[in-house]
């Protein structure tokens, strides 16, 4: 069976692996139809994703078809189209007992810590599959990206009329934008790439955008937009330690800063920046099981329009030669999708 493995940063190889066994109790055998390429995949390729373990078959944003189910499986059946919740949690640790398996102490994310979906078939826990009778495989592959943004938005807990700053207009920033807009907040998006900001204005009608320059002019523009109050919620989706360090300075007194982007560098700030305004500093990791059916329903009802998302496509046979282009924002990539089957 064919698979693509990332042996080490910047070294993809196509390999032949054994076909999976028949599904056991609580398992399902699935065929990968679509895989979305996200920041974690790019970070793993570039060697900048701290959770990535090599060698690894990547792929956690997946639209799959159920081929067979094991004993005791009732939530899905062969032929179902599903999105995959890729967070393999233990169910027993402190976080899991509190209903937060997204940050399980022994969490293994498929495609990051254990092998993922960039192969023809694989076995997965059936409780991690979320079916839809309406969505395409393309749309199902987008659900996990949107779930990251859904959880980040929930962590920020913005209210109608709040000024919310989203830093980074890549896929995770855009996914966060999808859900922050549903709260009725007044949104500003900041990014270094003007084309991404134009996408936010054109597709989402974002009134306030700022081209980040990394100097005092950034804060001047943000102060102008908010009348000097700064932001009730700041969500940093860049994965840049420099941006994450600076983001605390954009929050209003008593505001909240959420880190959804991941960095392997140090995030530093003088303590009064956090203490004086009594900021809430939060991490946002992965998503919760409840987010997946919610997102599927929102797409099915047309509340979320996935049509503008996919800007680039490739096939299984062309992934290795084309992947490098998906790491460069200047190519205009928002979301690239691999047609696996």
C-alpha atoms as a PDB file:
ATOM      1  CA  UNK A   1       0.000   0.000   0.000  1.00  0.00           C
ATOM      2  CA  UNK A   2       1.310   3.457  -0.921  1.00  0.00           C
ATOM      3  CA  UNK A   3       2.148   6.132   1.646  1.00  0.00           C
ATOM      4  CA  UNK A   4       4.227   9.302   1.809  1.00  0.00           C
ATOM      5  CA  UNK A   5       6.542   9.655   4.773  1.00  0.00           C
ATOM      6  CA  UNK A   6       8.468  12.652   6.086  1.00  0.00           C
ATOM      7  CA  UNK A   7      11.767  11.120   7.195  1.00  0.00           C
ATOM      8  CA  UNK A   8      13.193  14.393   8.503  1.00  0.00           C
ATOM      9  CA  UNK A   9      12.698  18.084   7.737  1.00  0.00           C
ATOM     10  CA  UNK A  10      12.452  18.655   3.968  1.00  0.00           C
ATOM     11  CA  UNK A  11      12.791  14.943   3.151  1.00  0.00           C
ATOM     12  CA  UNK A  12       9.615  13.331   1.817  1.00  0.00           C
ATOM     13  CA  UNK A  13       9.714   9.806   0.362  1.00  0.00           C
ATOM     14  CA  UNK A  14       7.015   7.633  -1.191  1.00  0.00           C
ATOM     15  CA  UNK A  15       7.016   4.216   0.449  1.00  0.00           C
ATOM     16  CA  UNK A  16       5.207   0.899   0.344  1.00  0.00           C
ATOM     17  CA  UNK A  17       3.724  -0.169   3.690  1.00  0.00           C
ATOM     18  CA  UNK A  18       1.659  -3.132   4.836  1.00  0.00           C
ATOM     19  CA  UNK A  19      -2.098  -2.883   4.406  1.00  0.00           C
ATOM     20  CA  UNK A  20      -3.916  -2.467   7.730  1.00  0.00           C
ATOM     21  CA  UNK A  21      -5.504  -5.430   9.481  1.00  0.00           C
ATOM     22  CA  UNK A  22      -9.263  -5.815   9.907  1.00  0.00           C
ATOM     23  CA  UNK A  23     -10.649  -3.340  12.445  1.00  0.00           C
ATOM     24  CA  UNK A  24     -10.806  -4.502  16.045  1.00  0.00           C
ATOM     25  CA  UNK A  25     -13.312  -3.528  18.743  1.00  0.00           C
ATOM     26  CA  UNK A  26     -14.085   0.193  18.590  1.00  0.00           C
ATOM     27  CA  UNK A  27     -12.050   0.676  15.402  1.00  0.00           C
ATOM     28  CA  UNK A  28     -12.814   1.570  11.799  1.00  0.00           C
ATOM     29  CA  UNK A  29     -10.912   1.006   8.594  1.00  0.00           C
ATOM     30  CA  UNK A  30     -10.996   4.123   6.423  1.00  0.00           C
ATOM     31  CA  UNK A  31      -9.816   5.209   2.992  1.00  0.00           C
ATOM     32  CA  UNK A  32      -8.281   8.681   2.731  1.00  0.00           C
ATOM     33  CA  UNK A  33      -9.858  10.763  -0.029  1.00  0.00           C
ATOM     34  CA  UNK A  34      -8.640  14.270   0.897  1.00  0.00           C
ATOM     35  CA  UNK A  35      -5.920  15.684   3.114  1.00  0.00           C
ATOM     36  CA  UNK A  36      -5.623  19.366   3.921  1.00  0.00           C
ATOM     37  CA  UNK A  37      -2.155  20.838   4.394  1.00  0.00           C
ATOM     38  CA  UNK A  38      -1.988  22.988   7.511  1.00  0.00           C
ATOM     39  CA  UNK A  39       0.544  24.912   9.554  1.00  0.00           C
ATOM     40  CA  UNK A  40       1.537  21.814  11.526  1.00  0.00           C
ATOM     41  CA  UNK A  41       2.365  19.978   8.292  1.00  0.00           C
ATOM     42  CA  UNK A  42       4.359  22.947   7.037  1.00  0.00           C
ATOM     43  CA  UNK A  43       6.073  23.291  10.423  1.00  0.00           C
ATOM     44  CA  UNK A  44       6.949  19.597  10.407  1.00  0.00           C
ATOM     45  CA  UNK A  45       8.343  19.904   6.882  1.00  0.00           C
ATOM     46  CA  UNK A  46      10.435  22.936   7.845  1.00  0.00           C
ATOM     47  CA  UNK A  47      11.529  21.481  11.176  1.00  0.00           C
ATOM     48  CA  UNK A  48       9.742  24.157  13.191  1.00  0.00           C
ATOM     49  CA  UNK A  49       6.910  22.137  14.768  1.00  0.00           C
ATOM     50  CA  UNK A  50       7.956  21.187  18.338  1.00  0.00           C
ATOM     51  CA  UNK A  51       5.437  18.323  18.666  1.00  0.00           C
ATOM     52  CA  UNK A  52       6.387  16.625  15.375  1.00  0.00           C
ATOM     53  CA  UNK A  53       8.115  13.234  15.633  1.00  0.00           C
ATOM     54  CA  UNK A  54      10.151  11.859  12.698  1.00  0.00           C
ATOM     55  CA  UNK A  55       9.891   9.758  10.636  1.00  0.00           C
ATOM     56  CA  UNK A  56       6.176  10.326  10.179  1.00  0.00           C
ATOM     57  CA  UNK A  57       3.363   9.820   7.696  1.00  0.00           C
ATOM     58  CA  UNK A  58       1.632  13.221   7.949  1.00  0.00           C
ATOM     59  CA  UNK A  59      -2.025  14.038   7.556  1.00  0.00           C
ATOM     60  CA  UNK A  60      -4.568  15.025  10.191  1.00  0.00           C
ATOM     61  CA  UNK A  61      -6.993  17.248   8.216  1.00  0.00           C
ATOM     62  CA  UNK A  62      -8.854  14.451   6.534  1.00  0.00           C
ATOM     63  CA  UNK A  63     -11.950  13.566   4.555  1.00  0.00           C
ATOM     64  CA  UNK A  64     -12.304   9.780   4.677  1.00  0.00           C
ATOM     65  CA  UNK A  65     -14.617   6.957   3.640  1.00  0.00           C
ATOM     66  CA  UNK A  66     -15.478   4.189   6.100  1.00  0.00           C
ATOM     67  CA  UNK A  67     -14.628   0.786   4.598  1.00  0.00           C
ATOM     68  CA  UNK A  68     -15.315  -1.462   7.582  1.00  0.00           C
ATOM     69  CA  UNK A  69     -16.055  -1.246  11.305  1.00  0.00           C
ATOM     70  CA  UNK A  70     -15.094  -3.453  14.214  1.00  0.00           C
ATOM     71  CA  UNK A  71     -17.240  -4.963  16.953  1.00  0.00           C
ATOM     72  CA  UNK A  72     -19.174  -2.527  19.104  1.00  0.00           C
ATOM     73  CA  UNK A  73     -19.140   0.366  16.622  1.00  0.00           C
ATOM     74  CA  UNK A  74     -22.547   2.020  16.240  1.00  0.00           C
ATOM     75  CA  UNK A  75     -21.863   5.675  15.361  1.00  0.00           C
ATOM     76  CA  UNK A  76     -20.737   4.977  11.774  1.00  0.00           C
ATOM     77  CA  UNK A  77     -21.130   2.327   9.072  1.00  0.00           C
ATOM     78  CA  UNK A  78     -19.334   1.312   5.877  1.00  0.00           C
ATOM     79  CA  UNK A  79     -19.839   3.877   3.129  1.00  0.00           C
ATOM     80  CA  UNK A  80     -20.078   6.866   5.481  1.00  0.00           C
ATOM     81  CA  UNK A  81     -18.125  10.005   4.613  1.00  0.00           C
ATOM     82  CA  UNK A  82     -16.424  11.409   7.705  1.00  0.00           C
ATOM     83  CA  UNK A  83     -14.171  14.055   9.113  1.00  0.00           C
ATOM     84  CA  UNK A  84     -11.479  12.797  11.468  1.00  0.00           C
ATOM     85  CA  UNK A  85     -10.939  14.162  14.967  1.00  0.00           C
ATOM     86  CA  UNK A  86      -7.215  13.381  15.086  1.00  0.00           C
ATOM     87  CA  UNK A  87      -6.573  13.741  18.821  1.00  0.00           C
ATOM     88  CA  UNK A  88      -5.927  10.327  20.360  1.00  0.00           C
ATOM     89  CA  UNK A  89      -6.410  10.998  24.061  1.00  0.00           C
ATOM     90  CA  UNK A  90      -6.185   8.514  26.949  1.00  0.00           C
ATOM     91  CA  UNK A  91      -9.521   9.295  28.634  1.00  0.00           C
ATOM     92  CA  UNK A  92      -7.990   8.826  32.095  1.00  0.00           C
ATOM     93  CA  UNK A  93      -5.607  11.694  32.898  1.00  0.00           C
ATOM     94  CA  UNK A  94      -6.481  14.914  34.758  1.00  0.00           C
ATOM     95  CA  UNK A  95      -7.336  16.842  31.563  1.00  0.00           C
ATOM     96  CA  UNK A  96      -9.404  13.981  30.109  1.00  0.00           C
ATOM     97  CA  UNK A  97     -11.340  13.547  33.351  1.00  0.00           C
ATOM     98  CA  UNK A  98     -12.271  17.229  33.096  1.00  0.00           C
ATOM     99  CA  UNK A  99     -13.556  16.775  29.539  1.00  0.00           C
ATOM    100  CA  UNK A 100     -10.515  18.379  27.915  1.00  0.00           C
ATOM    101  CA  UNK A 101      -9.000  15.522  25.970  1.00  0.00           C
ATOM    102  CA  UNK A 102      -7.636  18.091  23.506  1.00  0.00           C
ATOM    103  CA  UNK A 103      -4.725  18.575  25.924  1.00  0.00           C
ATOM    104  CA  UNK A 104      -4.448  15.038  27.302  1.00  0.00           C
ATOM    105  CA  UNK A 105      -1.177  14.475  29.147  1.00  0.00           C
ATOM    106  CA  UNK A 106      -0.246  11.639  26.773  1.00  0.00           C
ATOM    107  CA  UNK A 107      -1.988  13.025  23.687  1.00  0.00           C
ATOM    108  CA  UNK A 108      -0.958  11.614  20.313  1.00  0.00           C
ATOM    109  CA  UNK A 109      -2.149  13.541  17.255  1.00  0.00           C
ATOM    110  CA  UNK A 110      -2.279  11.474  14.095  1.00  0.00           C
ATOM    111  CA  UNK A 111       0.015  12.842  11.430  1.00  0.00           C
ATOM    112  CA  UNK A 112       2.148  14.584  14.075  1.00  0.00           C
ATOM    113  CA  UNK A 113       3.116  12.135  16.840  1.00  0.00           C
ATOM    114  CA  UNK A 114       1.740   8.966  15.185  1.00  0.00           C
ATOM    115  CA  UNK A 115       1.218   8.149  11.526  1.00  0.00           C
ATOM    116  CA  UNK A 116      -1.581  10.003   9.758  1.00  0.00           C
ATOM    117  CA  UNK A 117      -3.657   9.928   6.630  1.00  0.00           C
ATOM    118  CA  UNK A 118      -1.242  10.468   3.743  1.00  0.00           C
ATOM    119  CA  UNK A 119      -1.716   6.814   2.809  1.00  0.00           C
ATOM    120  CA  UNK A 120      -4.418   4.880   1.071  1.00  0.00           C
ATOM    121  CA  UNK A 121      -6.048   3.269   4.131  1.00  0.00           C
ATOM    122  CA  UNK A 122      -5.601   3.226   7.899  1.00  0.00           C
ATOM    123  CA  UNK A 123      -7.246   2.162  11.147  1.00  0.00           C
ATOM    124  CA  UNK A 124      -8.637   4.762  13.527  1.00  0.00           C
ATOM    125  CA  UNK A 125     -10.784   4.865  16.640  1.00  0.00           C
ATOM    126  CA  UNK A 126     -14.386   4.956  15.463  1.00  0.00           C
ATOM    127  CA  UNK A 127     -15.375   7.498  18.130  1.00  0.00           C
ATOM    128  CA  UNK A 128     -13.032   9.948  16.381  1.00  0.00           C
ATOM    129  CA  UNK A 129     -15.045   9.875  13.140  1.00  0.00           C
ATOM    130  CA  UNK A 130     -17.753  12.480  12.487  1.00  0.00           C
ATOM    131  CA  UNK A 131     -20.062  11.605   9.568  1.00  0.00           C
ATOM    132  CA  UNK A 132     -22.016  13.800   7.181  1.00  0.00           C
ATOM    133  CA  UNK A 133     -24.446  12.800   4.450  1.00  0.00           C
ATOM    134  CA  UNK A 134     -24.128  16.197   2.755  1.00  0.00           C
ATOM    135  CA  UNK A 135     -20.527  17.380   2.837  1.00  0.00           C
ATOM    136  CA  UNK A 136     -17.933  16.579   0.187  1.00  0.00           C
ATOM    137  CA  UNK A 137     -14.562  15.077   1.041  1.00  0.00           C
ATOM    138  CA  UNK A 138     -13.039  18.518   0.420  1.00  0.00           C
ATOM    139  CA  UNK A 139     -15.341  20.063   3.015  1.00  0.00           C
ATOM    140  CA  UNK A 140     -14.785  17.249   5.496  1.00  0.00           C
ATOM    141  CA  UNK A 141     -11.024  17.775   5.238  1.00  0.00           C
ATOM    142  CA  UNK A 142     -11.538  21.410   6.284  1.00  0.00           C
ATOM    143  CA  UNK A 143     -13.472  20.611   9.465  1.00  0.00           C
ATOM    144  CA  UNK A 144     -10.392  20.046  11.634  1.00  0.00           C
ATOM    145  CA  UNK A 145      -8.816  23.353  10.601  1.00  0.00           C
ATOM    146  CA  UNK A 146     -12.062  25.106  11.415  1.00  0.00           C
ATOM    147  CA  UNK A 147     -12.216  23.279  14.743  1.00  0.00           C
ATOM    148  CA  UNK A 148      -8.868  24.803  15.759  1.00  0.00           C
ATOM    149  CA  UNK A 149     -10.320  28.256  15.112  1.00  0.00           C
ATOM    150  CA  UNK A 150     -13.567  27.376  16.857  1.00  0.00           C
ATOM    151  CA  UNK A 151     -11.722  26.395  20.028  1.00  0.00           C
ATOM    152  CA  UNK A 152      -9.452  29.459  19.889  1.00  0.00           C
ATOM    153  CA  UNK A 153     -12.491  31.713  19.545  1.00  0.00           C
ATOM    154  CA  UNK A 154     -14.135  29.994  22.508  1.00  0.00           C
ATOM    155  CA  UNK A 155     -10.968  30.472  24.559  1.00  0.00           C
ATOM    156  CA  UNK A 156     -11.065  34.190  23.795  1.00  0.00           C
ATOM    157  CA  UNK A 157     -14.761  34.371  24.762  1.00  0.00           C
ATOM    158  CA  UNK A 158     -15.420  37.615  22.895  1.00  0.00           C
ATOM    159  CA  UNK A 159     -18.781  39.354  23.161  1.00  0.00           C
ATOM    160  CA  UNK A 160     -20.841  41.397  20.737  1.00  0.00           C
ATOM    161  CA  UNK A 161     -19.212  44.787  20.213  1.00  0.00           C
ATOM    162  CA  UNK A 162     -15.817  43.780  21.624  1.00  0.00           C
ATOM    163  CA  UNK A 163     -12.775  44.803  19.655  1.00  0.00           C
ATOM    164  CA  UNK A 164     -10.955  41.570  18.736  1.00  0.00           C
ATOM    165  CA  UNK A 165      -7.555  41.449  17.048  1.00  0.00           C
ATOM    166  CA  UNK A 166      -6.578  38.355  15.067  1.00  0.00           C
ATOM    167  CA  UNK A 167      -2.872  38.303  14.244  1.00  0.00           C
ATOM    168  CA  UNK A 168      -2.026  36.080  11.288  1.00  0.00           C
ATOM    169  CA  UNK A 169      -4.338  35.514   8.326  1.00  0.00           C
ATOM    170  CA  UNK A 170      -3.202  32.036   7.415  1.00  0.00           C
ATOM    171  CA  UNK A 171      -5.585  29.061   7.666  1.00  0.00           C
ATOM    172  CA  UNK A 172      -5.719  29.037  11.468  1.00  0.00           C
ATOM    173  CA  UNK A 173      -6.246  32.797  11.660  1.00  0.00           C
ATOM    174  CA  UNK A 174      -9.008  32.553   9.058  1.00  0.00           C
ATOM    175  CA  UNK A 175     -10.602  29.645  10.919  1.00  0.00           C
ATOM    176  CA  UNK A 176     -10.579  31.767  14.066  1.00  0.00           C
ATOM    177  CA  UNK A 177     -12.107  34.641  12.118  1.00  0.00           C
ATOM    178  CA  UNK A 178     -14.982  32.388  11.005  1.00  0.00           C
ATOM    179  CA  UNK A 179     -16.066  31.913  14.610  1.00  0.00           C
ATOM    180  CA  UNK A 180     -15.199  35.281  16.116  1.00  0.00           C
ATOM    181  CA  UNK A 181     -17.461  36.897  13.502  1.00  0.00           C
ATOM    182  CA  UNK A 182     -20.367  34.785  14.809  1.00  0.00           C
ATOM    183  CA  UNK A 183     -19.996  36.487  18.221  1.00  0.00           C
ATOM    184  CA  UNK A 184     -20.733  39.930  16.762  1.00  0.00           C
ATOM    185  CA  UNK A 185     -17.319  41.299  17.729  1.00  0.00           C
ATOM    186  CA  UNK A 186     -15.612  44.151  15.856  1.00  0.00           C
ATOM    187  CA  UNK A 187     -12.698  42.408  14.144  1.00  0.00           C
ATOM    188  CA  UNK A 188      -9.267  43.651  13.138  1.00  0.00           C
ATOM    189  CA  UNK A 189      -6.879  41.366  11.240  1.00  0.00           C
ATOM    190  CA  UNK A 190      -3.135  42.008  11.155  1.00  0.00           C
ATOM    191  CA  UNK A 191      -0.686  40.214   8.883  1.00  0.00           C
ATOM    192  CA  UNK A 192       2.569  40.888   7.059  1.00  0.00           C
ATOM    193  CA  UNK A 193       1.145  39.773   3.693  1.00  0.00           C
ATOM    194  CA  UNK A 194      -1.128  42.379   2.033  1.00  0.00           C
ATOM    195  CA  UNK A 195      -2.790  39.785  -0.228  1.00  0.00           C
ATOM    196  CA  UNK A 196      -4.030  37.865   2.805  1.00  0.00           C
ATOM    197  CA  UNK A 197      -5.556  41.029   4.235  1.00  0.00           C
ATOM    198  CA  UNK A 198      -7.238  41.719   0.902  1.00  0.00           C
ATOM    199  CA  UNK A 199      -8.719  38.204   1.108  1.00  0.00           C
ATOM    200  CA  UNK A 200     -10.146  39.063   4.547  1.00  0.00           C
ATOM    201  CA  UNK A 201     -11.697  42.277   3.260  1.00  0.00           C
ATOM    202  CA  UNK A 202     -13.109  40.706   0.104  1.00  0.00           C
ATOM    203  CA  UNK A 203     -14.383  37.404   1.462  1.00  0.00           C
ATOM    204  CA  UNK A 204     -15.312  38.315   5.034  1.00  0.00           C
ATOM    205  CA  UNK A 205     -15.930  42.043   4.813  1.00  0.00           C
ATOM    206  CA  UNK A 206     -13.381  42.803   7.539  1.00  0.00           C
ATOM    207  CA  UNK A 207     -13.357  46.569   7.910  1.00  0.00           C
ATOM    208  CA  UNK A 208     -10.091  46.910   9.823  1.00  0.00           C
ATOM    209  CA  UNK A 209      -6.846  45.405   8.522  1.00  0.00           C
ATOM    210  CA  UNK A 210      -3.265  46.282   9.413  1.00  0.00           C
ATOM    211  CA  UNK A 211      -0.116  45.385   7.491  1.00  0.00           C
ATOM    212  CA  UNK A 212       2.299  44.431  10.261  1.00  0.00           C
ATOM    213  CA  UNK A 213       5.661  46.163  10.051  1.00  0.00           C
ATOM    214  CA  UNK A 214       7.048  45.159  13.442  1.00  0.00           C
ATOM    215  CA  UNK A 215       7.565  48.712  14.625  1.00  0.00           C
ATOM    216  CA  UNK A 216       5.705  51.395  16.599  1.00  0.00           C
ATOM    217  CA  UNK A 217       3.375  52.097  13.677  1.00  0.00           C
ATOM    218  CA  UNK A 218       1.543  48.812  14.328  1.00  0.00           C
ATOM    219  CA  UNK A 219       0.383  49.940  17.758  1.00  0.00           C
ATOM    220  CA  UNK A 220      -0.425  53.424  16.473  1.00  0.00           C
ATOM    221  CA  UNK A 221      -2.841  51.969  13.915  1.00  0.00           C
ATOM    222  CA  UNK A 222      -4.418  49.619  16.462  1.00  0.00           C
ATOM    223  CA  UNK A 223      -4.911  52.484  18.915  1.00  0.00           C
ATOM    224  CA  UNK A 224      -6.596  54.535  16.193  1.00  0.00           C
ATOM    225  CA  UNK A 225      -9.006  51.706  15.366  1.00  0.00           C
ATOM    226  CA  UNK A 226      -9.994  51.174  19.011  1.00  0.00           C
ATOM    227  CA  UNK A 227     -10.011  54.801  20.114  1.00  0.00           C
ATOM    228  CA  UNK A 228      -7.044  54.113  22.369  1.00  0.00           C
ATOM    229  CA  UNK A 229      -8.721  51.272  24.287  1.00  0.00           C
ATOM    230  CA  UNK A 230      -6.816  48.499  22.502  1.00  0.00           C
ATOM    231  CA  UNK A 231      -8.366  45.025  22.259  1.00  0.00           C
ATOM    232  CA  UNK A 232     -10.634  43.075  24.578  1.00  0.00           C
ATOM    233  CA  UNK A 233      -9.314  39.910  22.941  1.00  0.00           C
ATOM    234  CA  UNK A 234      -6.076  39.337  21.017  1.00  0.00           C
ATOM    235  CA  UNK A 235      -5.656  35.977  19.282  1.00  0.00           C
ATOM    236  CA  UNK A 236      -2.196  35.274  17.864  1.00  0.00           C
ATOM    237  CA  UNK A 237      -2.233  32.639  15.123  1.00  0.00           C
ATOM    238  CA  UNK A 238       1.193  33.363  13.649  1.00  0.00           C
ATOM    239  CA  UNK A 239       3.450  30.791  15.287  1.00  0.00           C
ATOM    240  CA  UNK A 240       6.045  33.575  15.484  1.00  0.00           C
ATOM    241  CA  UNK A 241       7.636  34.060  18.901  1.00  0.00           C
ATOM    242  CA  UNK A 242       8.302  37.720  18.067  1.00  0.00           C
ATOM    243  CA  UNK A 243       4.661  38.332  17.231  1.00  0.00           C
ATOM    244  CA  UNK A 244       3.501  36.425  20.298  1.00  0.00           C
ATOM    245  CA  UNK A 245       5.800  38.465  22.520  1.00  0.00           C
ATOM    246  CA  UNK A 246       4.495  41.732  21.080  1.00  0.00           C
ATOM    247  CA  UNK A 247       0.830  40.716  21.180  1.00  0.00           C
ATOM    248  CA  UNK A 248       0.433  41.374  24.902  1.00  0.00           C
ATOM    249  CA  UNK A 249       0.998  45.058  24.219  1.00  0.00           C
ATOM    250  CA  UNK A 250      -2.101  45.180  21.999  1.00  0.00           C
ATOM    251  CA  UNK A 251      -4.576  44.029  24.656  1.00  0.00           C
ATOM    252  CA  UNK A 252      -6.838  46.355  26.610  1.00  0.00           C
ATOM    253  CA  UNK A 253      -6.631  46.528  30.385  1.00  0.00           C
ATOM    254  CA  UNK A 254      -8.320  43.364  31.752  1.00  0.00           C
ATOM    255  CA  UNK A 255      -8.223  41.923  28.227  1.00  0.00           C
ATOM    256  CA  UNK A 256      -7.395  38.398  27.071  1.00  0.00           C
ATOM    257  CA  UNK A 257      -4.517  37.167  24.908  1.00  0.00           C
ATOM    258  CA  UNK A 258      -4.850  33.729  23.289  1.00  0.00           C
ATOM    259  CA  UNK A 259      -1.926  31.881  21.737  1.00  0.00           C
ATOM    260  CA  UNK A 260      -3.199  29.434  19.128  1.00  0.00           C
ATOM    261  CA  UNK A 261      -0.079  29.471  16.949  1.00  0.00           C
ATOM    262  CA  UNK A 262       2.806  27.245  18.076  1.00  0.00           C
ATOM    263  CA  UNK A 263       6.451  28.268  18.218  1.00  0.00           C
ATOM    264  CA  UNK A 264       9.660  26.510  19.187  1.00  0.00           C
ATOM    265  CA  UNK A 265      11.223  29.867  20.126  1.00  0.00           C
ATOM    266  CA  UNK A 266      11.059  31.752  23.405  1.00  0.00           C
ATOM    267  CA  UNK A 267       8.156  34.125  24.070  1.00  0.00           C
ATOM    268  CA  UNK A 268       9.354  36.972  26.277  1.00  0.00           C
ATOM    269  CA  UNK A 269       7.876  40.141  27.730  1.00  0.00           C
ATOM    270  CA  UNK A 270       8.559  42.480  30.661  1.00  0.00           C
ATOM    271  CA  UNK A 271       6.273  41.375  33.488  1.00  0.00           C
ATOM    272  CA  UNK A 272       4.432  44.694  33.929  1.00  0.00           C
ATOM    273  CA  UNK A 273       3.009  44.215  30.413  1.00  0.00           C
ATOM    274  CA  UNK A 274       1.017  41.304  31.831  1.00  0.00           C
ATOM    275  CA  UNK A 275       0.570  42.459  35.411  1.00  0.00           C
ATOM    276  CA  UNK A 276      -0.316  46.140  35.103  1.00  0.00           C
ATOM    277  CA  UNK A 277      -3.426  45.619  32.920  1.00  0.00           C
ATOM    278  CA  UNK A 278      -4.282  42.311  34.696  1.00  0.00           C
ATOM    279  CA  UNK A 279      -4.345  40.386  31.432  1.00  0.00           C
ATOM    280  CA  UNK A 280      -5.630  36.872  30.944  1.00  0.00           C
ATOM    281  CA  UNK A 281      -3.061  34.831  29.013  1.00  0.00           C
ATOM    282  CA  UNK A 282      -4.352  31.581  27.520  1.00  0.00           C
ATOM    283  CA  UNK A 283      -3.110  28.815  25.306  1.00  0.00           C
ATOM    284  CA  UNK A 284      -5.428  27.160  22.807  1.00  0.00           C
ATOM    285  CA  UNK A 285      -4.585  23.613  21.762  1.00  0.00           C
ATOM    286  CA  UNK A 286      -6.458  21.498  19.230  1.00  0.00           C
ATOM    287  CA  UNK A 287     -10.253  21.336  19.639  1.00  0.00           C
ATOM    288  CA  UNK A 288     -13.011  19.511  21.516  1.00  0.00           C
ATOM    289  CA  UNK A 289     -15.212  16.651  20.271  1.00  0.00           C
ATOM    290  CA  UNK A 290     -18.294  18.876  20.368  1.00  0.00           C
ATOM    291  CA  UNK A 291     -16.698  21.277  17.890  1.00  0.00           C
ATOM    292  CA  UNK A 292     -16.765  18.772  15.017  1.00  0.00           C
ATOM    293  CA  UNK A 293     -20.537  18.161  14.732  1.00  0.00           C
ATOM    294  CA  UNK A 294     -21.123  21.869  15.308  1.00  0.00           C
ATOM    295  CA  UNK A 295     -18.885  22.780  12.379  1.00  0.00           C
ATOM    296  CA  UNK A 296     -20.362  20.112  10.118  1.00  0.00           C
ATOM    297  CA  UNK A 297     -23.818  21.530  10.852  1.00  0.00           C
ATOM    298  CA  UNK A 298     -22.675  25.114  10.170  1.00  0.00           C
ATOM    299  CA  UNK A 299     -21.234  24.114   6.795  1.00  0.00           C
ATOM    300  CA  UNK A 300     -24.297  22.063   5.898  1.00  0.00           C
ATOM    301  CA  UNK A 301     -26.551  25.052   6.672  1.00  0.00           C
ATOM    302  CA  UNK A 302     -24.375  27.479   4.706  1.00  0.00           C
ATOM    303  CA  UNK A 303     -23.399  29.553   7.744  1.00  0.00           C
ATOM    304  CA  UNK A 304     -19.789  28.766   6.892  1.00  0.00           C
ATOM    305  CA  UNK A 305     -18.938  28.908   3.198  1.00  0.00           C
ATOM    306  CA  UNK A 306     -15.909  26.736   2.453  1.00  0.00           C
ATOM    307  CA  UNK A 307     -15.784  27.611  -1.247  1.00  0.00           C
ATOM    308  CA  UNK A 308     -13.115  30.371  -0.958  1.00  0.00           C
ATOM    309  CA  UNK A 309     -10.835  28.307   1.248  1.00  0.00           C
ATOM    310  CA  UNK A 310      -9.189  25.860  -1.138  1.00  0.00           C
ATOM    311  CA  UNK A 311      -6.806  27.820  -3.351  1.00  0.00           C
ATOM    312  CA  UNK A 312      -4.365  25.064  -4.350  1.00  0.00           C
ATOM    313  CA  UNK A 313      -4.635  21.362  -5.145  1.00  0.00           C
ATOM    314  CA  UNK A 314      -2.252  18.546  -5.781  1.00  0.00           C
ATOM    315  CA  UNK A 315      -2.399  14.778  -6.189  1.00  0.00           C
ATOM    316  CA  UNK A 316      -0.750  12.004  -4.222  1.00  0.00           C
ATOM    317  CA  UNK A 317       1.815  11.498  -6.975  1.00  0.00           C
ATOM    318  CA  UNK A 318       2.773  15.204  -7.099  1.00  0.00           C
ATOM    319  CA  UNK A 319       2.931  15.987  -3.368  1.00  0.00           C
ATOM    320  CA  UNK A 320       6.668  15.590  -2.994  1.00  0.00           C
ATOM    321  CA  UNK A 321       7.595  17.882  -5.881  1.00  0.00           C
ATOM    322  CA  UNK A 322       4.954  20.531  -5.099  1.00  0.00           C
ATOM    323  CA  UNK A 323       4.887  20.658  -1.282  1.00  0.00           C
ATOM    324  CA  UNK A 324       7.631  23.278  -1.033  1.00  0.00           C
ATOM    325  CA  UNK A 325       5.437  25.811  -2.871  1.00  0.00           C
ATOM    326  CA  UNK A 326       2.725  25.462  -0.204  1.00  0.00           C
ATOM    327  CA  UNK A 327       5.137  26.776   2.439  1.00  0.00           C
ATOM    328  CA  UNK A 328       5.454  30.187   0.743  1.00  0.00           C
ATOM    329  CA  UNK A 329       2.727  32.813   1.358  1.00  0.00           C
ATOM    330  CA  UNK A 330       3.767  34.723  -1.774  1.00  0.00           C
ATOM    331  CA  UNK A 331       2.254  31.919  -3.874  1.00  0.00           C
ATOM    332  CA  UNK A 332      -1.171  33.038  -2.634  1.00  0.00           C
ATOM    333  CA  UNK A 333      -1.902  29.764  -0.879  1.00  0.00           C
ATOM    334  CA  UNK A 334      -4.660  29.832   1.707  1.00  0.00           C
ATOM    335  CA  UNK A 335      -5.397  26.116   1.884  1.00  0.00           C
ATOM    336  CA  UNK A 336      -3.857  23.375  -0.242  1.00  0.00           C
ATOM    337  CA  UNK A 337      -5.596  20.005  -0.498  1.00  0.00           C
ATOM    338  CA  UNK A 338      -4.124  16.673  -1.547  1.00  0.00           C
ATOM    339  CA  UNK A 339      -6.356  14.363  -3.581  1.00  0.00           C
ATOM    340  CA  UNK A 340      -5.244  11.051  -2.117  1.00  0.00           C
ATOM    341  CA  UNK A 341      -7.932   8.862  -3.736  1.00  0.00           C
END
